């Protein structure tokens, strides 16, 4: 609703601006459209650059975590106490994941029931 109201208000502003200016020449309209398109292209380029940077950072983090995982595996093979500790961490993590997924499923179910009861 809010987006629709904002869109309608911006369209009304554009219409009132057009009426107030008495209409622009076709050349001015084309220049205005060109400037708007150029601005949108620049914005899209910025977003693409941010996405590429994020992808590169995530790739480096993945490599770093892979190296850490390999080192932890080597340590767990050398020391059985560390292997037991890692096993208990994995069990606790999987239990926490199951509990969290059950809570999310319950909330989703209650939300669907609420929507259907309206």
PDB file of N, CA and C in Angstrom:
ATOM      1  N   UNK A   1       0.825  -1.191   0.000  1.00  0.00           N
ATOM      2  CA  UNK A   1       0.000   0.000   0.000  1.00  0.00           C
ATOM      3  C   UNK A   1       0.873   1.260   0.000  1.00  0.00           C
ATOM      4  N   UNK A   2       1.936   1.216   0.833  1.00  0.00           N
ATOM      5  CA  UNK A   2       2.813   2.369   0.929  1.00  0.00           C
ATOM      6  C   UNK A   2       3.534   2.597  -0.395  1.00  0.00           C
ATOM      7  N   UNK A   3       4.005   1.506  -1.020  1.00  0.00           N
ATOM      8  CA  UNK A   3       4.694   1.634  -2.295  1.00  0.00           C
ATOM      9  C   UNK A   3       3.759   2.181  -3.365  1.00  0.00           C
ATOM     10  N   UNK A   4       2.517   1.731  -3.335  1.00  0.00           N
ATOM     11  CA  UNK A   4       1.540   2.214  -4.303  1.00  0.00           C
ATOM     12  C   UNK A   4       1.281   3.703  -4.100  1.00  0.00           C
ATOM     13  N   UNK A   5       1.169   4.121  -2.836  1.00  0.00           N
ATOM     14  CA  UNK A   5       0.938   5.531  -2.543  1.00  0.00           C
ATOM     15  C   UNK A   5       2.131   6.386  -2.995  1.00  0.00           C
ATOM     16  N   UNK A   6       3.360   5.880  -2.757  1.00  0.00           N
ATOM     17  CA  UNK A   6       4.547   6.613  -3.189  1.00  0.00           C
ATOM     18  C   UNK A   6       4.607   6.708  -4.706  1.00  0.00           C
ATOM     19  N   UNK A   7       4.255   5.616  -5.372  1.00  0.00           N
ATOM     20  CA  UNK A   7       4.271   5.615  -6.832  1.00  0.00           C
ATOM     21  C   UNK A   7       3.245   6.592  -7.384  1.00  0.00           C
ATOM     22  N   UNK A   8       2.039   6.566  -6.807  1.00  0.00           N
ATOM     23  CA  UNK A   8       0.997   7.478  -7.271  1.00  0.00           C
ATOM     24  C   UNK A   8       1.377   8.934  -7.010  1.00  0.00           C
ATOM     25  N   UNK A   9       1.982   9.198  -5.855  1.00  0.00           N
ATOM     26  CA  UNK A   9       2.366  10.581  -5.565  1.00  0.00           C
ATOM     27  C   UNK A   9       3.471  11.049  -6.511  1.00  0.00           C
ATOM     28  N   UNK A  10       4.419  10.161  -6.837  1.00  0.00           N
ATOM     29  CA  UNK A  10       5.477  10.565  -7.767  1.00  0.00           C
ATOM     30  C   UNK A  10       4.912  10.784  -9.163  1.00  0.00           C
ATOM     31  N   UNK A  11       3.934   9.989  -9.572  1.00  0.00           N
ATOM     32  CA  UNK A  11       3.303  10.183 -10.883  1.00  0.00           C
ATOM     33  C   UNK A  11       2.531  11.492 -10.895  1.00  0.00           C
ATOM     34  N   UNK A  12       1.819  11.778  -9.811  1.00  0.00           N
ATOM     35  CA  UNK A  12       1.082  13.046  -9.727  1.00  0.00           C
ATOM     36  C   UNK A  12       2.036  14.231  -9.769  1.00  0.00           C
ATOM     37  N   UNK A  13       3.174  14.103  -9.079  1.00  0.00           N
ATOM     38  CA  UNK A  13       4.173  15.181  -9.110  1.00  0.00           C
ATOM     39  C   UNK A  13       4.704  15.393 -10.523  1.00  0.00           C
ATOM     40  N   UNK A  14       4.967  14.296 -11.232  1.00  0.00           N
ATOM     41  CA  UNK A  14       5.449  14.412 -12.608  1.00  0.00           C
ATOM     42  C   UNK A  14       4.416  15.073 -13.507  1.00  0.00           C
ATOM     43  N   UNK A  15       3.157  14.715 -13.324  1.00  0.00           N
ATOM     44  CA  UNK A  15       2.088  15.305 -14.142  1.00  0.00           C
ATOM     45  C   UNK A  15       1.951  16.790 -13.850  1.00  0.00           C
ATOM     46  N   UNK A  16       1.959  17.144 -12.560  1.00  0.00           N
ATOM     47  CA  UNK A  16       1.826  18.560 -12.209  1.00  0.00           C
ATOM     48  C   UNK A  16       3.044  19.358 -12.691  1.00  0.00           C
ATOM     49  N   UNK A  17       4.225  18.761 -12.637  1.00  0.00           N
ATOM     50  CA  UNK A  17       5.430  19.426 -13.135  1.00  0.00           C
ATOM     51  C   UNK A  17       5.328  19.648 -14.645  1.00  0.00           C
ATOM     52  N   UNK A  18       4.819  18.659 -15.336  1.00  0.00           N
ATOM     53  CA  UNK A  18       4.664  18.771 -16.787  1.00  0.00           C
ATOM     54  C   UNK A  18       3.667  19.869 -17.136  1.00  0.00           C
ATOM     55  N   UNK A  19       2.550  19.914 -16.379  1.00  0.00           N
ATOM     56  CA  UNK A  19       1.538  20.942 -16.644  1.00  0.00           C
ATOM     57  C   UNK A  19       2.071  22.330 -16.316  1.00  0.00           C
ATOM     58  N   UNK A  20       2.840  22.435 -15.245  1.00  0.00           N
ATOM     59  CA  UNK A  20       3.373  23.732 -14.830  1.00  0.00           C
ATOM     60  C   UNK A  20       4.401  24.258 -15.832  1.00  0.00           C
ATOM     61  N   UNK A  21       5.156  23.368 -16.421  1.00  0.00           N
ATOM     62  CA  UNK A  21       6.181  23.820 -17.361  1.00  0.00           C
ATOM     63  C   UNK A  21       5.602  24.130 -18.729  1.00  0.00           C
ATOM     64  N   UNK A  22       4.344  23.791 -18.940  1.00  0.00           N
ATOM     65  CA  UNK A  22       3.716  24.061 -20.216  1.00  0.00           C
ATOM     66  C   UNK A  22       4.177  23.090 -21.291  1.00  0.00           C
ATOM     67  N   UNK A  23       4.762  22.035 -20.899  1.00  0.00           N
ATOM     68  CA  UNK A  23       5.243  21.036 -21.850  1.00  0.00           C
ATOM     69  C   UNK A  23       6.653  21.372 -22.283  1.00  0.00           C
ATOM     70  N   UNK A  24       7.450  20.365 -22.422  1.00  0.00           N
ATOM     71  CA  UNK A  24       8.830  20.570 -22.851  1.00  0.00           C
ATOM     72  C   UNK A  24       8.941  20.260 -24.335  1.00  0.00           C
ATOM     73  N   UNK A  25       9.977  20.788 -24.893  1.00  0.00           N
ATOM     74  CA  UNK A  25      10.224  20.469 -26.296  1.00  0.00           C
ATOM     75  C   UNK A  25      10.653  19.005 -26.384  1.00  0.00           C
ATOM     76  N   UNK A  26      10.450  18.368 -27.501  1.00  0.00           N
ATOM     77  CA  UNK A  26      10.860  16.960 -27.631  1.00  0.00           C
ATOM     78  C   UNK A  26      12.350  16.762 -27.359  1.00  0.00           C
ATOM     79  N   UNK A  27      13.154  17.745 -27.739  1.00  0.00           N
ATOM     80  CA  UNK A  27      14.587  17.626 -27.500  1.00  0.00           C
ATOM     81  C   UNK A  27      14.886  17.618 -25.995  1.00  0.00           C
ATOM     82  N   UNK A  28      14.220  18.477 -25.250  1.00  0.00           N
ATOM     83  CA  UNK A  28      14.433  18.524 -23.801  1.00  0.00           C
ATOM     84  C   UNK A  28      13.948  17.233 -23.139  1.00  0.00           C
ATOM     85  N   UNK A  29      12.846  16.705 -23.625  1.00  0.00           N
ATOM     86  CA  UNK A  29      12.344  15.452 -23.079  1.00  0.00           C
ATOM     87  C   UNK A  29      13.335  14.320 -23.314  1.00  0.00           C
ATOM     88  N   UNK A  30      13.903  14.285 -24.522  1.00  0.00           N
ATOM     89  CA  UNK A  30      14.895  13.252 -24.813  1.00  0.00           C
ATOM     90  C   UNK A  30      16.137  13.408 -23.958  1.00  0.00           C
ATOM     91  N   UNK A  31      16.571  14.643 -23.751  1.00  0.00           N
ATOM     92  CA  UNK A  31      17.736  14.870 -22.895  1.00  0.00           C
ATOM     93  C   UNK A  31      17.452  14.463 -21.448  1.00  0.00           C
ATOM     94  N   UNK A  32      16.253  14.744 -20.999  1.00  0.00           N
ATOM     95  CA  UNK A  32      15.862  14.364 -19.636  1.00  0.00           C
ATOM     96  C   UNK A  32      15.829  12.840 -19.492  1.00  0.00           C
ATOM     97  N   UNK A  33      15.271  12.149 -20.486  1.00  0.00           N
ATOM     98  CA  UNK A  33      15.235  10.695 -20.467  1.00  0.00           C
ATOM     99  C   UNK A  33      16.644  10.117 -20.513  1.00  0.00           C
ATOM    100  N   UNK A  34      17.500  10.732 -21.336  1.00  0.00           N
ATOM    101  CA  UNK A  34      18.875  10.255 -21.441  1.00  0.00           C
ATOM    102  C   UNK A  34      19.598  10.399 -20.106  1.00  0.00           C
ATOM    103  N   UNK A  35      19.389  11.516 -19.437  1.00  0.00           N
ATOM    104  CA  UNK A  35      20.024  11.727 -18.128  1.00  0.00           C
ATOM    105  C   UNK A  35      19.506  10.717 -17.111  1.00  0.00           C
ATOM    106  N   UNK A  36      18.194  10.430 -17.159  1.00  0.00           N
ATOM    107  CA  UNK A  36      17.625   9.453 -16.226  1.00  0.00           C
ATOM    108  C   UNK A  36      18.186   8.067 -16.493  1.00  0.00           C
ATOM    109  N   UNK A  37      18.300   7.701 -17.758  1.00  0.00           N
ATOM    110  CA  UNK A  37      18.847   6.390 -18.110  1.00  0.00           C
ATOM    111  C   UNK A  37      20.311   6.296 -17.701  1.00  0.00           C
ATOM    112  N   UNK A  38      21.066   7.358 -17.932  1.00  0.00           N
ATOM    113  CA  UNK A  38      22.475   7.371 -17.542  1.00  0.00           C
ATOM    114  C   UNK A  38      22.616   7.201 -16.023  1.00  0.00           C
ATOM    115  N   UNK A  39      21.765   7.890 -15.276  1.00  0.00           N
ATOM    116  CA  UNK A  39      21.806   7.757 -13.813  1.00  0.00           C
ATOM    117  C   UNK A  39      21.494   6.341 -13.373  1.00  0.00           C
ATOM    118  N   UNK A  40      20.500   5.711 -14.030  1.00  0.00           N
ATOM    119  CA  UNK A  40      20.152   4.342 -13.678  1.00  0.00           C
ATOM    120  C   UNK A  40      21.272   3.372 -14.026  1.00  0.00           C
ATOM    121  N   UNK A  41      21.916   3.596 -15.155  1.00  0.00           N
ATOM    122  CA  UNK A  41      23.026   2.723 -15.547  1.00  0.00           C
ATOM    123  C   UNK A  41      24.180   2.862 -14.559  1.00  0.00           C
ATOM    124  N   UNK A  42      24.455   4.080 -14.130  1.00  0.00           N
ATOM    125  CA  UNK A  42      25.527   4.290 -13.141  1.00  0.00           C
ATOM    126  C   UNK A  42      25.197   3.585 -11.831  1.00  0.00           C
ATOM    127  N   UNK A  43      23.933   3.652 -11.422  1.00  0.00           N
ATOM    128  CA  UNK A  43      23.514   2.973 -10.196  1.00  0.00           C
ATOM    129  C   UNK A  43      23.649   1.461 -10.353  1.00  0.00           C
ATOM    130  N   UNK A  44      23.263   0.934 -11.495  1.00  0.00           N
ATOM    131  CA  UNK A  44      23.381  -0.506 -11.743  1.00  0.00           C
ATOM    132  C   UNK A  44      24.849  -0.925 -11.719  1.00  0.00           C
ATOM    133  N   UNK A  45      25.722  -0.108 -12.297  1.00  0.00           N
ATOM    134  CA  UNK A  45      27.152  -0.408 -12.266  1.00  0.00           C
ATOM    135  C   UNK A  45      27.680  -0.458 -10.838  1.00  0.00           C
ATOM    136  N   UNK A  46      27.239   0.460 -10.000  1.00  0.00           N
ATOM    137  CA  UNK A  46      27.650   0.454  -8.587  1.00  0.00           C
ATOM    138  C   UNK A  46      27.198  -0.820  -7.892  1.00  0.00           C
ATOM    139  N   UNK A  47      25.957  -1.220  -8.138  1.00  0.00           N
ATOM    140  CA  UNK A  47      25.435  -2.437  -7.505  1.00  0.00           C
ATOM    141  C   UNK A  47      26.203  -3.663  -7.982  1.00  0.00           C
ATOM    142  N   UNK A  48      26.505  -3.722  -9.270  1.00  0.00           N
ATOM    143  CA  UNK A  48      27.265  -4.858  -9.806  1.00  0.00           C
ATOM    144  C   UNK A  48      28.668  -4.888  -9.206  1.00  0.00           C
ATOM    145  N   UNK A  49      29.297  -3.735  -9.069  1.00  0.00           N
ATOM    146  CA  UNK A  49      30.634  -3.683  -8.449  1.00  0.00           C
ATOM    147  C   UNK A  49      30.584  -4.150  -7.000  1.00  0.00           C
ATOM    148  N   UNK A  50      29.555  -3.757  -6.264  1.00  0.00           N
ATOM    149  CA  UNK A  50      29.411  -4.208  -4.880  1.00  0.00           C
ATOM    150  C   UNK A  50      29.224  -5.715  -4.828  1.00  0.00           C
ATOM    151  N   UNK A  51      28.423  -6.260  -5.756  1.00  0.00           N
ATOM    152  CA  UNK A  51      28.193  -7.703  -5.783  1.00  0.00           C
ATOM    153  C   UNK A  51      29.483  -8.453  -6.100  1.00  0.00           C
ATOM    154  N   UNK A  52      30.281  -7.936  -7.040  1.00  0.00           N
ATOM    155  CA  UNK A  52      31.545  -8.588  -7.374  1.00  0.00           C
ATOM    156  C   UNK A  52      32.525  -8.542  -6.208  1.00  0.00           C
ATOM    157  N   UNK A  53      32.554  -7.417  -5.510  1.00  0.00           N
ATOM    158  CA  UNK A  53      33.426  -7.304  -4.341  1.00  0.00           C
ATOM    159  C   UNK A  53      33.000  -8.281  -3.254  1.00  0.00           C
ATOM    160  N   UNK A  54      31.691  -8.361  -3.030  1.00  0.00           N
ATOM    161  CA  UNK A  54      31.169  -9.285  -2.024  1.00  0.00           C
ATOM    162  C   UNK A  54      31.502 -10.721  -2.392  1.00  0.00           C
ATOM    163  N   UNK A  55      31.370 -11.048  -3.672  1.00  0.00           N
ATOM    164  CA  UNK A  55      31.690 -12.402  -4.134  1.00  0.00           C
ATOM    165  C   UNK A  55      33.163 -12.722  -3.892  1.00  0.00           C
ATOM    166  N   UNK A  56      34.038 -11.770  -4.175  1.00  0.00           N
ATOM    167  CA  UNK A  56      35.465 -11.990  -3.964  1.00  0.00           C
ATOM    168  C   UNK A  56      35.774 -12.192  -2.484  1.00  0.00           C
ATOM    169  N   UNK A  57      35.169 -11.385  -1.636  1.00  0.00           N
ATOM    170  CA  UNK A  57      35.407 -11.507  -0.192  1.00  0.00           C
ATOM    171  C   UNK A  57      34.886 -12.847   0.323  1.00  0.00           C
ATOM    172  N   UNK A  58      33.705 -13.249  -0.146  1.00  0.00           N
ATOM    173  CA  UNK A  58      33.163 -14.537   0.287  1.00  0.00           C
ATOM    174  C   UNK A  58      34.036 -15.690  -0.197  1.00  0.00           C
ATOM    175  N   UNK A  59      34.597 -15.555  -1.387  1.00  0.00           N
ATOM    176  CA  UNK A  59      35.508 -16.594  -1.883  1.00  0.00           C
ATOM    177  C   UNK A  59      36.755 -16.708  -1.030  1.00  0.00           C
ATOM    178  N   UNK A  60      37.305 -15.573  -0.632  1.00  0.00           N
ATOM    179  CA  UNK A  60      38.504 -15.619   0.221  1.00  0.00           C
ATOM    180  C   UNK A  60      38.173 -16.174   1.605  1.00  0.00           C
ATOM    181  N   UNK A  61      36.988 -15.842   2.124  1.00  0.00           N
ATOM    182  CA  UNK A  61      36.579 -16.397   3.412  1.00  0.00           C
ATOM    183  C   UNK A  61      36.391 -17.906   3.311  1.00  0.00           C
ATOM    184  N   UNK A  62      35.838 -18.356   2.177  1.00  0.00           N
ATOM    185  CA  UNK A  62      35.645 -19.791   1.988  1.00  0.00           C
ATOM    186  C   UNK A  62      36.989 -20.509   1.988  1.00  0.00           C
ATOM    187  N   UNK A  63      37.971 -19.936   1.299  1.00  0.00           N
ATOM    188  CA  UNK A  63      39.305 -20.544   1.269  1.00  0.00           C
ATOM    189  C   UNK A  63      39.922 -20.560   2.667  1.00  0.00           C
ATOM    190  N   UNK A  64      39.746 -19.466   3.407  1.00  0.00           N
ATOM    191  CA  UNK A  64      40.290 -19.394   4.760  1.00  0.00           C
ATOM    192  C   UNK A  64      39.651 -20.445   5.664  1.00  0.00           C
ATOM    193  N   UNK A  65      38.316 -20.571   5.600  1.00  0.00           N
ATOM    194  CA  UNK A  65      37.641 -21.565   6.436  1.00  0.00           C
ATOM    195  C   UNK A  65      38.000 -22.986   6.011  1.00  0.00           C
ATOM    196  N   UNK A  66      38.246 -23.187   4.716  1.00  0.00           N
ATOM    197  CA  UNK A  66      38.691 -24.506   4.260  1.00  0.00           C
ATOM    198  C   UNK A  66      40.044 -24.857   4.839  1.00  0.00           C
ATOM    199  N   UNK A  67      40.948 -23.880   4.870  1.00  0.00           N
ATOM    200  CA  UNK A  67      42.267 -24.111   5.464  1.00  0.00           C
ATOM    201  C   UNK A  67      42.154 -24.411   6.957  1.00  0.00           C
ATOM    202  N   UNK A  68      41.322 -23.659   7.646  1.00  0.00           N
ATOM    203  CA  UNK A  68      41.132 -23.879   9.081  1.00  0.00           C
ATOM    204  C   UNK A  68      40.541 -25.257   9.332  1.00  0.00           C
ATOM    205  N   UNK A  69      39.575 -25.643   8.507  1.00  0.00           N
ATOM    206  CA  UNK A  69      38.950 -26.955   8.674  1.00  0.00           C
ATOM    207  C   UNK A  69      39.977 -28.067   8.475  1.00  0.00           C
ATOM    208  N   UNK A  70      40.852 -27.899   7.492  1.00  0.00           N
ATOM    209  CA  UNK A  70      41.893 -28.901   7.273  1.00  0.00           C
ATOM    210  C   UNK A  70      42.844 -29.005   8.458  1.00  0.00           C
ATOM    211  N   UNK A  71      43.213 -27.866   9.022  1.00  0.00           N
ATOM    212  CA  UNK A  71      44.117 -27.873  10.178  1.00  0.00           C
ATOM    213  C   UNK A  71      43.458 -28.506  11.396  1.00  0.00           C
ATOM    214  N   UNK A  72      42.176 -28.222  11.594  1.00  0.00           N
ATOM    215  CA  UNK A  72      41.464 -28.811  12.730  1.00  0.00           C
ATOM    216  C   UNK A  72      41.346 -30.319  12.550  1.00  0.00           C
ATOM    217  N   UNK A  73      41.139 -30.765  11.318  1.00  0.00           N
ATOM    218  CA  UNK A  73      41.050 -32.201  11.061  1.00  0.00           C
ATOM    219  C   UNK A  73      42.375 -32.885  11.368  1.00  0.00           C
ATOM    220  N   UNK A  74      43.483 -32.252  10.983  1.00  0.00           N
ATOM    221  CA  UNK A  74      44.802 -32.815  11.280  1.00  0.00           C
ATOM    222  C   UNK A  74      45.001 -32.897  12.792  1.00  0.00           C
ATOM    223  N   UNK A  75      44.621 -31.855  13.517  1.00  0.00           N
ATOM    224  CA  UNK A  75      44.752 -31.867  14.977  1.00  0.00           C
ATOM    225  C   UNK A  75      43.865 -32.930  15.612  1.00  0.00           C
ATOM    226  N   UNK A  76      42.648 -33.068  15.089  1.00  0.00           N
ATOM    227  CA  UNK A  76      41.750 -34.067  15.678  1.00  0.00           C
ATOM    228  C   UNK A  76      42.256 -35.480  15.421  1.00  0.00           C
ATOM    229  N   UNK A  77      42.936 -35.682  14.299  1.00  0.00           N
ATOM    230  CA  UNK A  77      43.513 -36.998  14.045  1.00  0.00           C
ATOM    231  C   UNK A  77      44.670 -37.285  14.997  1.00  0.00           C
ATOM    232  N   UNK A  78      45.415 -36.255  15.382  1.00  0.00           N
ATOM    233  CA  UNK A  78      46.561 -36.444  16.268  1.00  0.00           C
ATOM    234  C   UNK A  78      46.147 -36.606  17.729  1.00  0.00           C
ATOM    235  N   UNK A  79      45.081 -35.887  18.128  1.00  0.00           N
ATOM    236  CA  UNK A  79      44.685 -35.891  19.537  1.00  0.00           C
ATOM    237  C   UNK A  79      43.241 -36.373  19.664  1.00  0.00           C
ATOM    238  N   UNK A  80      43.010 -37.532  20.246  1.00  0.00           N
ATOM    239  CA  UNK A  80      41.639 -38.056  20.380  1.00  0.00           C
ATOM    240  C   UNK A  80      40.743 -37.191  21.274  1.00  0.00           C
ATOM    241  N   UNK A  81      41.324 -36.460  22.222  1.00  0.00           N
ATOM    242  CA  UNK A  81      40.523 -35.596  23.086  1.00  0.00           C
ATOM    243  C   UNK A  81      39.875 -34.489  22.254  1.00  0.00           C
ATOM    244  N   UNK A  82      40.643 -33.942  21.327  1.00  0.00           N
ATOM    245  CA  UNK A  82      40.101 -32.889  20.459  1.00  0.00           C
ATOM    246  C   UNK A  82      39.016 -33.467  19.565  1.00  0.00           C
ATOM    247  N   UNK A  83      39.197 -34.710  19.089  1.00  0.00           N
ATOM    248  CA  UNK A  83      38.182 -35.353  18.263  1.00  0.00           C
ATOM    249  C   UNK A  83      36.873 -35.498  19.040  1.00  0.00           C
ATOM    250  N   UNK A  84      36.981 -35.899  20.308  1.00  0.00           N
ATOM    251  CA  UNK A  84      35.775 -36.016  21.141  1.00  0.00           C
ATOM    252  C   UNK A  84      35.109 -34.666  21.370  1.00  0.00           C
ATOM    253  N   UNK A  85      35.912 -33.644  21.584  1.00  0.00           N
ATOM    254  CA  UNK A  85      35.387 -32.298  21.779  1.00  0.00           C
ATOM    255  C   UNK A  85      34.674 -31.813  20.515  1.00  0.00           C
ATOM    256  N   UNK A  86      35.278 -32.048  19.359  1.00  0.00           N
ATOM    257  CA  UNK A  86      34.647 -31.646  18.097  1.00  0.00           C
ATOM    258  C   UNK A  86      33.345 -32.411  17.860  1.00  0.00           C
ATOM    259  N   UNK A  87      33.326 -33.676  18.239  1.00  0.00           N
ATOM    260  CA  UNK A  87      32.096 -34.469  18.100  1.00  0.00           C
ATOM    261  C   UNK A  87      30.977 -33.923  18.970  1.00  0.00           C
ATOM    262  N   UNK A  88      31.311 -33.537  20.203  1.00  0.00           N
ATOM    263  CA  UNK A  88      30.272 -32.976  21.083  1.00  0.00           C
ATOM    264  C   UNK A  88      29.792 -31.622  20.562  1.00  0.00           C
ATOM    265  N   UNK A  89      30.691 -30.840  19.982  1.00  0.00           N
ATOM    266  CA  UNK A  89      30.282 -29.553  19.391  1.00  0.00           C
ATOM    267  C   UNK A  89      29.347 -29.800  18.217  1.00  0.00           C
ATOM    268  N   UNK A  90      29.667 -30.791  17.371  1.00  0.00           N
ATOM    269  CA  UNK A  90      28.794 -31.109  16.235  1.00  0.00           C
ATOM    270  C   UNK A  90      27.417 -31.572  16.698  1.00  0.00           C
ATOM    271  N   UNK A  91      27.380 -32.415  17.730  1.00  0.00           N
ATOM    272  CA  UNK A  91      26.082 -32.884  18.240  1.00  0.00           C
ATOM    273  C   UNK A  91      25.255 -31.728  18.790  1.00  0.00           C
ATOM    274  N   UNK A  92      25.888 -30.861  19.539  1.00  0.00           N
ATOM    275  CA  UNK A  92      25.172 -29.712  20.096  1.00  0.00           C
ATOM    276  C   UNK A  92      24.687 -28.787  18.980  1.00  0.00           C
ATOM    277  N   UNK A  93      25.525 -28.590  17.981  1.00  0.00           N
ATOM    278  CA  UNK A  93      25.142 -27.739  16.846  1.00  0.00           C
ATOM    279  C   UNK A  93      23.957 -28.341  16.094  1.00  0.00           C
ATOM    280  N   UNK A  94      23.993 -29.638  15.865  1.00  0.00           N
ATOM    281  CA  UNK A  94      22.875 -30.270  15.149  1.00  0.00           C
ATOM    282  C   UNK A  94      21.605 -30.230  15.996  1.00  0.00           C
ATOM    283  N   UNK A  95      21.731 -30.376  17.305  1.00  0.00           N
ATOM    284  CA  UNK A  95      20.560 -30.287  18.180  1.00  0.00           C
ATOM    285  C   UNK A  95      19.982 -28.874  18.147  1.00  0.00           C
ATOM    286  N   UNK A  96      20.846 -27.875  18.220  1.00  0.00           N
ATOM    287  CA  UNK A  96      20.390 -26.485  18.148  1.00  0.00           C
ATOM    288  C   UNK A  96      19.719 -26.200  16.812  1.00  0.00           C
ATOM    289  N   UNK A  97      20.258 -26.764  15.747  1.00  0.00           N
ATOM    290  CA  UNK A  97      19.666 -26.571  14.425  1.00  0.00           C
ATOM    291  C   UNK A  97      18.275 -27.198  14.366  1.00  0.00           C
ATOM    292  N   UNK A  98      18.132 -28.385  14.932  1.00  0.00           N
ATOM    293  CA  UNK A  98      16.812 -29.032  14.946  1.00  0.00           C
ATOM    294  C   UNK A  98      15.802 -28.227  15.759  1.00  0.00           C
ATOM    295  N   UNK A  99      16.209 -27.715  16.891  1.00  0.00           N
ATOM    296  CA  UNK A  99      15.308 -26.920  17.730  1.00  0.00           C
ATOM    297  C   UNK A  99      14.905 -25.642  17.003  1.00  0.00           C
ATOM    298  N   UNK A 100      15.863 -24.973  16.413  1.00  0.00           N
ATOM    299  CA  UNK A 100      15.569 -23.739  15.685  1.00  0.00           C
ATOM    300  C   UNK A 100      14.639 -23.999  14.501  1.00  0.00           C
ATOM    301  N   UNK A 101      14.882 -25.076  13.762  1.00  0.00           N
ATOM    302  CA  UNK A 101      14.012 -25.386  12.630  1.00  0.00           C
ATOM    303  C   UNK A 101      12.603 -25.750  13.093  1.00  0.00           C
ATOM    304  N   UNK A 102      12.478 -26.412  14.235  1.00  0.00           N
ATOM    305  CA  UNK A 102      11.150 -26.732  14.763  1.00  0.00           C
ATOM    306  C   UNK A 102      10.415 -25.460  15.179  1.00  0.00           C
ATOM    307  N   UNK A 103      11.110 -24.514  15.779  1.00  0.00           N
ATOM    308  CA  UNK A 103      10.492 -23.244  16.174  1.00  0.00           C
ATOM    309  C   UNK A 103      10.037 -22.471  14.936  1.00  0.00           C
ATOM    310  N   UNK A 104      10.867 -22.422  13.917  1.00  0.00           N
ATOM    311  CA  UNK A 104      10.499 -21.715  12.687  1.00  0.00           C
ATOM    312  C   UNK A 104       9.311 -22.391  12.022  1.00  0.00           C
ATOM    313  N   UNK A 105       9.303 -23.718  11.981  1.00  0.00           N
ATOM    314  CA  UNK A 105       8.183 -24.438  11.382  1.00  0.00           C
ATOM    315  C   UNK A 105       6.896 -24.187  12.165  1.00  0.00           C
ATOM    316  N   UNK A 106       6.990 -24.176  13.487  1.00  0.00           N
ATOM    317  CA  UNK A 106       5.811 -23.903  14.307  1.00  0.00           C
ATOM    318  C   UNK A 106       5.271 -22.502  14.077  1.00  0.00           C
ATOM    319  N   UNK A 107       6.150 -21.531  14.036  1.00  0.00           N
ATOM    320  CA  UNK A 107       5.718 -20.150  13.786  1.00  0.00           C
ATOM    321  C   UNK A 107       5.080 -20.017  12.408  1.00  0.00           C
ATOM    322  N   UNK A 108       5.678 -20.660  11.418  1.00  0.00           N
ATOM    323  CA  UNK A 108       5.110 -20.618  10.071  1.00  0.00           C
ATOM    324  C   UNK A 108       3.737 -21.273  10.047  1.00  0.00           C
ATOM    325  N   UNK A 109       3.600 -22.398  10.719  1.00  0.00           N
ATOM    326  CA  UNK A 109       2.316 -23.083  10.778  1.00  0.00           C
ATOM    327  C   UNK A 109       1.258 -22.215  11.452  1.00  0.00           C
ATOM    328  N   UNK A 110       1.613 -21.596  12.576  1.00  0.00           N
ATOM    329  CA  UNK A 110       0.657 -20.717  13.253  1.00  0.00           C
ATOM    330  C   UNK A 110       0.291 -19.509  12.396  1.00  0.00           C
ATOM    331  N   UNK A 111       1.243 -18.990  11.670  1.00  0.00           N
ATOM    332  CA  UNK A 111       0.985 -17.862  10.784  1.00  0.00           C
ATOM    333  C   UNK A 111       0.023 -18.252   9.663  1.00  0.00           C
ATOM    334  N   UNK A 112       0.221 -19.425   9.087  1.00  0.00           N
ATOM    335  CA  UNK A 112      -0.681 -19.898   8.022  1.00  0.00           C
ATOM    336  C   UNK A 112      -2.080 -20.131   8.574  1.00  0.00           C
ATOM    337  N   UNK A 113      -2.170 -20.717   9.751  1.00  0.00           N
ATOM    338  CA  UNK A 113      -3.487 -20.944  10.374  1.00  0.00           C
ATOM    339  C   UNK A 113      -4.169 -19.605  10.661  1.00  0.00           C
ATOM    340  N   UNK A 114      -3.408 -18.621  11.119  1.00  0.00           N
ATOM    341  CA  UNK A 114      -3.971 -17.305  11.409  1.00  0.00           C
ATOM    342  C   UNK A 114      -4.501 -16.663  10.135  1.00  0.00           C
ATOM    343  N   UNK A 115      -3.726 -16.750   9.034  1.00  0.00           N
ATOM    344  CA  UNK A 115      -4.170 -16.155   7.767  1.00  0.00           C
ATOM    345  C   UNK A 115      -5.414 -16.857   7.237  1.00  0.00           C
ATOM    346  N   UNK A 116      -5.464 -18.167   7.406  1.00  0.00           N
ATOM    347  CA  UNK A 116      -6.626 -18.901   6.890  1.00  0.00           C
ATOM    348  C   UNK A 116      -7.877 -18.652   7.743  1.00  0.00           C
ATOM    349  N   UNK A 117      -7.686 -18.321   9.015  1.00  0.00           N
ATOM    350  CA  UNK A 117      -8.850 -18.097   9.879  1.00  0.00           C
ATOM    351  C   UNK A 117      -9.470 -16.715   9.680  1.00  0.00           C
ATOM    352  N   UNK A 118      -8.729 -15.798   9.056  1.00  0.00           N
ATOM    353  CA  UNK A 118      -9.262 -14.445   8.834  1.00  0.00           C
ATOM    354  C   UNK A 118     -10.275 -14.456   7.790  1.00  0.00           C
TER     355      UNK A 118
END
